[in-house]
């Protein structure tokens, strides 16, 4: 699990715990002022908070089928590039195509026995914020 994924998962857990704690405090203060919240609402908020952690895990953290084929070193680089592409202003179709191409390129380099650090140079020289498709924004050498 990459650092980015750990931060994402820990953040979702903390957020869920804060929501649960606030509902519990709301229930406690409601009891002291004779304004009880309905049990169904209380339980529903807690269950939704817990389920949100699983939603984050399965939608954002769990590796896709072909991403599982990359070793940790390649996967970390893939995540960095994927984040840059996702943050760009390119169309959704273009983003998907670029991510698939990058994944395929990294898998080929890994199968060829090249290390990310020395043989495969991945350099994102500028943030991908323009609508121009990847011109002078990434350099690949295999």
Protein backbone atom coordinates (compact mmCIF):
# COMPACT_ATOMS: atom_id res chain seq x y z
CA UNK A 1 0.00 0.00 0.00
CA UNK A 2 1.46 3.34 -1.03
CA UNK A 3 1.77 6.34 1.28
CA UNK A 4 -0.99 8.08 -0.64
CA UNK A 5 -3.33 5.14 -0.06
CA UNK A 6 -2.45 4.98 3.63
CA UNK A 7 -3.20 8.68 4.04
CA UNK A 8 -6.47 8.29 2.17
CA UNK A 9 -7.57 5.32 4.28
CA UNK A 10 -6.52 6.89 7.59
CA UNK A 11 -8.29 10.14 6.66
CA UNK A 12 -11.51 8.28 5.88
CA UNK A 13 -11.30 6.38 9.17
CA UNK A 14 -10.70 9.59 11.13
CA UNK A 15 -13.61 11.30 9.39
CA UNK A 16 -15.91 8.35 10.14
CA UNK A 17 -14.83 8.36 13.79
CA UNK A 18 -15.46 12.10 14.06
CA UNK A 19 -18.94 11.74 12.60
CA UNK A 20 -19.71 8.87 14.99
CA UNK A 21 -18.34 10.86 17.94
CA UNK A 22 -20.42 13.90 17.02
CA UNK A 23 -23.58 11.76 16.80
CA UNK A 24 -22.82 10.24 20.21
CA UNK A 25 -22.27 13.72 21.69
CA UNK A 26 -25.50 14.86 20.04
CA UNK A 27 -27.33 11.92 21.64
CA UNK A 28 -25.82 12.61 25.07
CA UNK A 29 -26.66 16.31 24.98
CA UNK A 30 -30.13 15.46 23.65
CA UNK A 31 -30.80 13.20 26.62
CA UNK A 32 -29.87 15.91 29.11
CA UNK A 33 -32.29 18.35 27.47
CA UNK A 34 -35.02 15.75 26.87
CA UNK A 35 -34.60 16.01 23.07
CA UNK A 36 -33.68 12.49 22.06
CA UNK A 37 -32.76 11.75 18.48
CA UNK A 38 -34.56 8.80 16.92
CA UNK A 39 -32.70 5.51 17.33
CA UNK A 40 -33.09 4.77 13.63
CA UNK A 41 -31.33 8.03 12.73
CA UNK A 42 -28.61 7.39 15.31
CA UNK A 43 -27.88 3.87 14.00
CA UNK A 44 -28.18 4.91 10.35
CA UNK A 45 -25.57 7.66 10.72
CA UNK A 46 -23.16 5.29 12.46
CA UNK A 47 -23.63 2.54 9.86
CA UNK A 48 -23.20 4.98 6.96
CA UNK A 49 -20.02 6.34 8.58
CA UNK A 50 -18.55 2.86 8.90
CA UNK A 51 -19.58 1.88 5.37
CA UNK A 52 -17.96 5.03 3.98
CA UNK A 53 -14.54 3.66 4.95
CA UNK A 54 -15.22 0.53 2.90
CA UNK A 55 -16.45 2.63 -0.03
CA UNK A 56 -13.19 4.61 0.01
CA UNK A 57 -11.18 1.41 0.15
CA UNK A 58 -12.95 -0.39 -2.67
CA UNK A 59 -13.32 2.63 -4.96
CA UNK A 60 -9.99 4.40 -4.45
CA UNK A 61 -7.46 2.10 -2.80
CA UNK A 62 -8.03 -1.44 -3.98
CA UNK A 63 -5.88 -2.21 -6.99
CA UNK A 64 -7.54 -2.98 -10.29
CA UNK A 65 -6.86 -6.31 -12.03
CA UNK A 66 -3.93 -5.18 -14.15
CA UNK A 67 -2.48 -2.87 -11.48
CA UNK A 68 -1.94 -5.94 -9.30
CA UNK A 69 0.61 -7.18 -11.83
CA UNK A 70 2.98 -4.29 -11.00
CA UNK A 71 5.47 -4.70 -8.18
CA UNK A 72 5.58 -2.04 -5.46
CA UNK A 73 8.26 0.11 -7.09
CA UNK A 74 6.39 0.29 -10.40
CA UNK A 75 3.02 0.70 -8.68
CA UNK A 76 4.22 3.73 -6.72
CA UNK A 77 5.37 5.40 -9.96
CA UNK A 78 2.09 4.45 -11.61
CA UNK A 79 0.15 6.11 -8.78
CA UNK A 80 2.17 9.34 -9.11
CA UNK A 81 1.56 9.54 -12.85
CA UNK A 82 -2.07 8.47 -12.52
CA UNK A 83 -2.73 11.24 -9.99
CA UNK A 84 -1.19 13.81 -12.35
CA UNK A 85 -3.33 12.60 -15.24
CA UNK A 86 -6.50 12.50 -13.16
CA UNK A 87 -5.87 16.06 -11.96
CA UNK A 88 -5.50 17.32 -15.52
CA UNK A 89 -8.20 19.05 -17.54
CA UNK A 90 -8.23 16.38 -20.21
CA UNK A 91 -11.46 14.62 -21.13
CA UNK A 92 -12.40 11.49 -19.20
CA UNK A 93 -11.85 9.29 -22.25
CA UNK A 94 -8.38 10.75 -22.84
CA UNK A 95 -7.46 10.31 -19.18
CA UNK A 96 -8.55 6.67 -19.27
CA UNK A 97 -6.55 6.02 -22.45
CA UNK A 98 -3.41 7.67 -21.02
CA UNK A 99 -3.67 5.71 -17.77
CA UNK A 100 -4.07 2.44 -19.68
CA UNK A 101 -1.07 3.28 -21.90
CA UNK A 102 1.08 4.13 -18.89
CA UNK A 103 0.06 0.92 -17.15
CA UNK A 104 0.91 -1.09 -20.26
CA UNK A 105 4.28 0.66 -20.61
CA UNK A 106 5.20 0.02 -16.98
CA UNK A 107 4.16 -3.63 -17.25
CA UNK A 108 6.34 -4.03 -20.35
CA UNK A 109 9.31 -2.42 -18.63
CA UNK A 110 8.83 -4.60 -15.57
CA UNK A 111 8.61 -7.76 -17.68
CA UNK A 112 11.81 -6.71 -19.45
CA UNK A 113 13.52 -6.54 -16.06
CA UNK A 114 14.17 -2.82 -16.08
CA UNK A 115 14.19 -0.96 -12.78
CA UNK A 116 12.14 2.20 -12.45
CA UNK A 117 15.01 4.16 -10.95
CA UNK A 118 17.70 3.52 -13.52
CA UNK A 119 16.36 2.07 -16.77
CA UNK A 120 12.87 3.58 -16.92
CA UNK A 121 12.97 7.33 -16.48
CA UNK A 122 9.67 8.83 -15.49
CA UNK A 123 9.68 12.57 -15.19
CA UNK A 124 6.68 14.83 -15.05
CA UNK A 125 8.16 18.22 -15.80
CA UNK A 126 5.01 20.31 -15.45
CA UNK A 127 1.63 19.81 -13.85
CA UNK A 128 -0.87 18.41 -16.35
CA UNK A 129 -3.28 21.30 -16.19
CA UNK A 130 -3.50 22.25 -19.84
CA UNK A 131 -5.93 20.77 -22.29
CA UNK A 132 -3.10 19.88 -24.67
CA UNK A 133 -2.53 16.13 -24.62
CA UNK A 134 0.78 15.42 -22.89
CA UNK A 135 3.00 17.66 -25.00
CA UNK A 136 6.36 18.06 -23.23
CA UNK A 137 4.80 16.90 -19.99
CA UNK A 138 6.26 13.49 -19.53
CA UNK A 139 9.45 11.86 -20.72
CA UNK A 140 9.67 8.08 -21.04
CA UNK A 141 12.74 6.09 -21.87
CA UNK A 142 12.74 2.31 -21.95
